[in-house]
Amino acid sequence: MLGADIFVIHGSKSVTKFTLEEYCKRFTHLIEMGKNYGVRVCHENVVHHRCESPEYMKMMKDLIGPDFKIVLDTKQALRAGYTPYDFIDLLHDDIVHVHISDFNEKADCVTPFKGNFDFLNFFTSMSKYGYKGKYIIELYNWSYENKDEIVEAYKKLADLTRNIC
């Protein structure tokens, strides 16, 4: 009804009573329900949740098959002790949406270009694997000062990706 083509799920916390097989069975049920509405149900990598690691997501992919799709969150990857490239290298064909932000010495979520993240390398890597999906700047209300900061970051990202993506 809203025109969305993906539905993003964080999934269960890391500690749960369900086995991987049972978790995948239930997630597959959600994927099938989504198909009825023309929506891809996707799992996001989120720290302290089952899919915080690329290896766990790969095990899910192996059990579920080609319908398993992910939303890559660069900030969440870093929070869990991984790099976005750990997910890209292992699951590049399954990434259908990306949440981006930046990080610095003071915070793990700041406006793009206010930190240390190498966006050129990131977009080049995604492009190398043929990624054609969308990117969203995902910030918290405390991670930026005003909307102009976000607009400026968007413009810089658009300029950067114009010849890459």
Protein backbone atom coordinates (compact mmCIF):
# COMPACT_ATOMS: atom_id res chain seq x y z
CA MET A 1 0.00 0.00 0.00
CA LEU A 2 2.91 2.36 0.69
CA GLY A 3 4.83 1.45 -2.44
CA ALA A 4 7.75 -0.12 -0.60
CA ASP A 5 9.53 -3.04 -2.20
CA ILE A 6 11.53 -4.13 0.85
CA PHE A 7 10.63 -4.80 4.47
CA VAL A 8 13.59 -4.63 6.85
CA ILE A 9 13.82 -6.86 9.90
CA HIS A 10 16.38 -6.61 12.69
CA GLY A 11 15.52 -10.11 13.82
CA SER A 12 15.92 -11.66 17.22
CA LYS A 13 18.54 -10.87 19.81
CA SER A 14 21.72 -12.94 19.85
CA VAL A 15 20.55 -15.11 22.74
CA THR A 16 17.38 -17.00 21.90
CA LYS A 17 15.90 -20.45 22.37
CA PHE A 18 15.51 -21.10 18.65
CA THR A 19 18.07 -23.05 16.66
CA LEU A 20 19.42 -21.60 13.44
CA GLU A 21 17.24 -24.04 11.51
CA GLU A 22 14.06 -22.99 13.32
CA TYR A 23 14.95 -19.32 12.96
CA CYS A 24 15.46 -19.78 9.20
CA LYS A 25 12.20 -21.70 8.91
CA ARG A 26 10.32 -18.81 10.52
CA PHE A 27 12.19 -16.21 8.49
CA THR A 28 11.38 -18.12 5.29
CA HIS A 29 7.71 -17.96 6.28
CA LEU A 30 8.01 -14.16 6.50
CA ILE A 31 9.74 -14.06 3.11
CA GLU A 32 6.86 -16.04 1.57
CA MET A 33 4.28 -13.74 3.19
CA GLY A 34 6.13 -10.73 1.78
CA LYS A 35 6.00 -12.17 -1.73
CA ASN A 36 2.20 -12.09 -1.50
CA TYR A 37 2.44 -8.31 -1.21
CA GLY A 38 5.26 -7.78 -3.70
CA VAL A 39 7.71 -7.06 -0.89
CA ARG A 40 11.12 -8.60 -0.25
CA VAL A 41 11.61 -9.34 3.44
CA CYS A 42 15.25 -8.56 4.21
CA HIS A 43 17.43 -9.07 7.26
CA GLU A 44 19.58 -6.21 8.50
CA ASN A 45 22.89 -6.70 10.26
CA VAL A 46 22.34 -5.27 13.76
CA VAL A 47 24.75 -5.49 16.70
CA HIS A 48 23.62 -7.78 19.56
CA HIS A 49 21.22 -9.54 17.18
CA ARG A 50 21.56 -12.89 15.45
CA CYS A 51 22.67 -11.37 12.17
CA GLU A 52 25.39 -9.11 13.50
CA SER A 53 28.03 -11.25 11.79
CA PRO A 54 28.51 -11.93 8.09
CA GLU A 55 29.16 -15.60 8.87
CA TYR A 56 25.77 -16.02 10.54
CA MET A 57 24.07 -14.31 7.61
CA LYS A 58 25.92 -16.66 5.25
CA MET A 59 24.63 -19.67 7.22
CA MET A 60 21.11 -18.28 6.88
CA LYS A 61 21.67 -17.77 3.16
CA ASP A 62 22.84 -21.36 2.81
CA LEU A 63 19.71 -22.67 4.56
CA ILE A 64 17.16 -20.31 2.99
CA GLY A 65 18.55 -20.03 -0.52
CA PRO A 66 18.26 -17.28 -3.12
CA ASP A 67 15.31 -15.57 -1.43
CA PHE A 68 17.54 -14.51 1.49
CA LYS A 69 18.36 -10.82 1.06
CA ILE A 70 20.08 -8.36 3.37
CA VAL A 71 20.19 -4.71 4.25
CA LEU A 72 23.76 -3.71 5.00
CA ASP A 73 24.18 -1.09 7.73
CA THR A 74 27.74 0.24 7.80
CA LYS A 75 27.43 1.62 11.34
CA GLN A 76 26.02 -1.63 12.71
CA ALA A 77 28.84 -3.60 11.08
CA LEU A 78 31.42 -1.44 12.87
CA ARG A 79 29.56 -1.67 16.18
CA ALA A 80 29.66 -5.47 15.95
CA GLY A 81 33.41 -5.49 15.26
CA TYR A 82 33.25 -6.03 11.50
CA THR A 83 33.78 -3.86 8.48
CA PRO A 84 31.17 -3.38 5.79
CA TYR A 85 33.61 -5.18 3.47
CA ASP A 86 33.29 -8.35 5.58
CA PHE A 87 29.61 -8.42 4.58
CA ILE A 88 30.24 -7.27 1.00
CA ASP A 89 32.89 -9.92 0.34
CA LEU A 90 30.70 -12.75 1.65
CA LEU A 91 27.19 -11.63 0.67
CA HIS A 92 27.52 -9.09 -2.15
CA ASP A 93 24.87 -10.75 -4.32
CA ASP A 94 22.34 -10.63 -1.49
CA ILE A 95 22.61 -6.94 -0.52
CA VAL A 96 19.50 -5.09 -1.69
CA HIS A 97 19.68 -1.89 0.39
CA VAL A 98 22.38 -0.01 2.31
CA HIS A 99 22.26 2.27 5.36
CA ILE A 100 25.26 4.59 5.52
CA SER A 101 26.71 6.97 8.06
CA ASP A 102 30.18 7.99 9.13
CA PHE A 103 32.21 7.58 12.31
CA ASN A 104 34.99 9.38 14.13
CA GLU A 105 36.93 9.19 17.38
CA LYS A 106 33.99 10.60 19.38
CA ALA A 107 30.98 8.80 17.88
CA ASP A 108 30.14 5.76 15.77
CA CYS A 109 27.34 7.57 13.94
CA VAL A 110 27.94 10.98 12.39
CA THR A 111 26.95 12.67 9.17
CA PRO A 112 28.83 11.43 6.09
CA PHE A 113 32.11 13.30 5.54
CA LYS A 114 32.29 14.32 9.21
CA GLY A 115 34.37 11.28 10.07
CA ASN A 116 36.83 8.67 8.86
CA PHE A 117 34.79 6.41 6.56
CA ASP A 118 36.24 6.01 3.05
CA PHE A 119 33.12 6.49 0.95
CA LEU A 120 34.99 6.40 -2.37
CA ASN A 121 36.40 2.95 -1.61
CA PHE A 122 33.04 1.74 -0.29
CA PHE A 123 31.03 2.82 -3.33
CA THR A 124 33.73 1.52 -5.67
CA SER A 125 33.60 -1.86 -3.94
CA MET A 126 29.80 -2.01 -4.13
CA SER A 127 29.89 -1.03 -7.79
CA LYS A 128 32.52 -3.68 -8.53
CA TYR A 129 30.02 -6.31 -7.43
CA GLY A 130 27.25 -4.78 -9.52
CA TYR A 131 25.17 -3.28 -6.70
CA LYS A 132 22.30 -1.25 -8.17
CA GLY A 133 20.20 -0.75 -5.04
CA LYS A 134 19.59 2.35 -3.02
CA TYR A 135 21.58 3.95 -0.23
CA ILE A 136 20.05 5.85 2.66
CA ILE A 137 21.81 8.18 5.06
CA GLU A 138 20.75 6.79 8.43
CA LEU A 139 21.45 9.02 11.41
CA TYR A 140 20.12 9.53 14.92
CA ASN A 141 18.78 12.86 16.12
CA TRP A 142 21.93 13.35 18.21
CA SER A 143 24.32 12.58 15.34
CA TYR A 144 23.86 15.78 13.36
CA GLU A 145 23.30 19.45 14.15
CA ASN A 146 20.74 20.50 11.54
CA LYS A 147 19.06 19.39 8.33
CA ASP A 148 21.43 21.48 6.19
CA GLU A 149 24.26 19.20 7.32
CA ILE A 150 22.37 16.21 5.92
CA VAL A 151 21.55 17.99 2.67
CA GLU A 152 25.22 18.92 2.23
CA ALA A 153 26.25 15.30 2.85
CA TYR A 154 23.66 14.09 0.33
CA LYS A 155 25.00 16.46 -2.32
CA LYS A 156 28.59 15.33 -1.69
CA LEU A 157 27.55 11.67 -1.85
CA ALA A 158 25.63 12.30 -5.09
CA ASP A 159 28.69 13.97 -6.62
CA LEU A 160 30.96 11.15 -5.46
CA THR A 161 28.73 8.38 -6.78
CA ARG A 162 27.78 10.02 -10.07
CA ASN A 163 30.60 8.32 -11.97
CA ILE A 164 30.84 5.18 -9.81
CA CYS A 165 27.34 3.81 -9.24
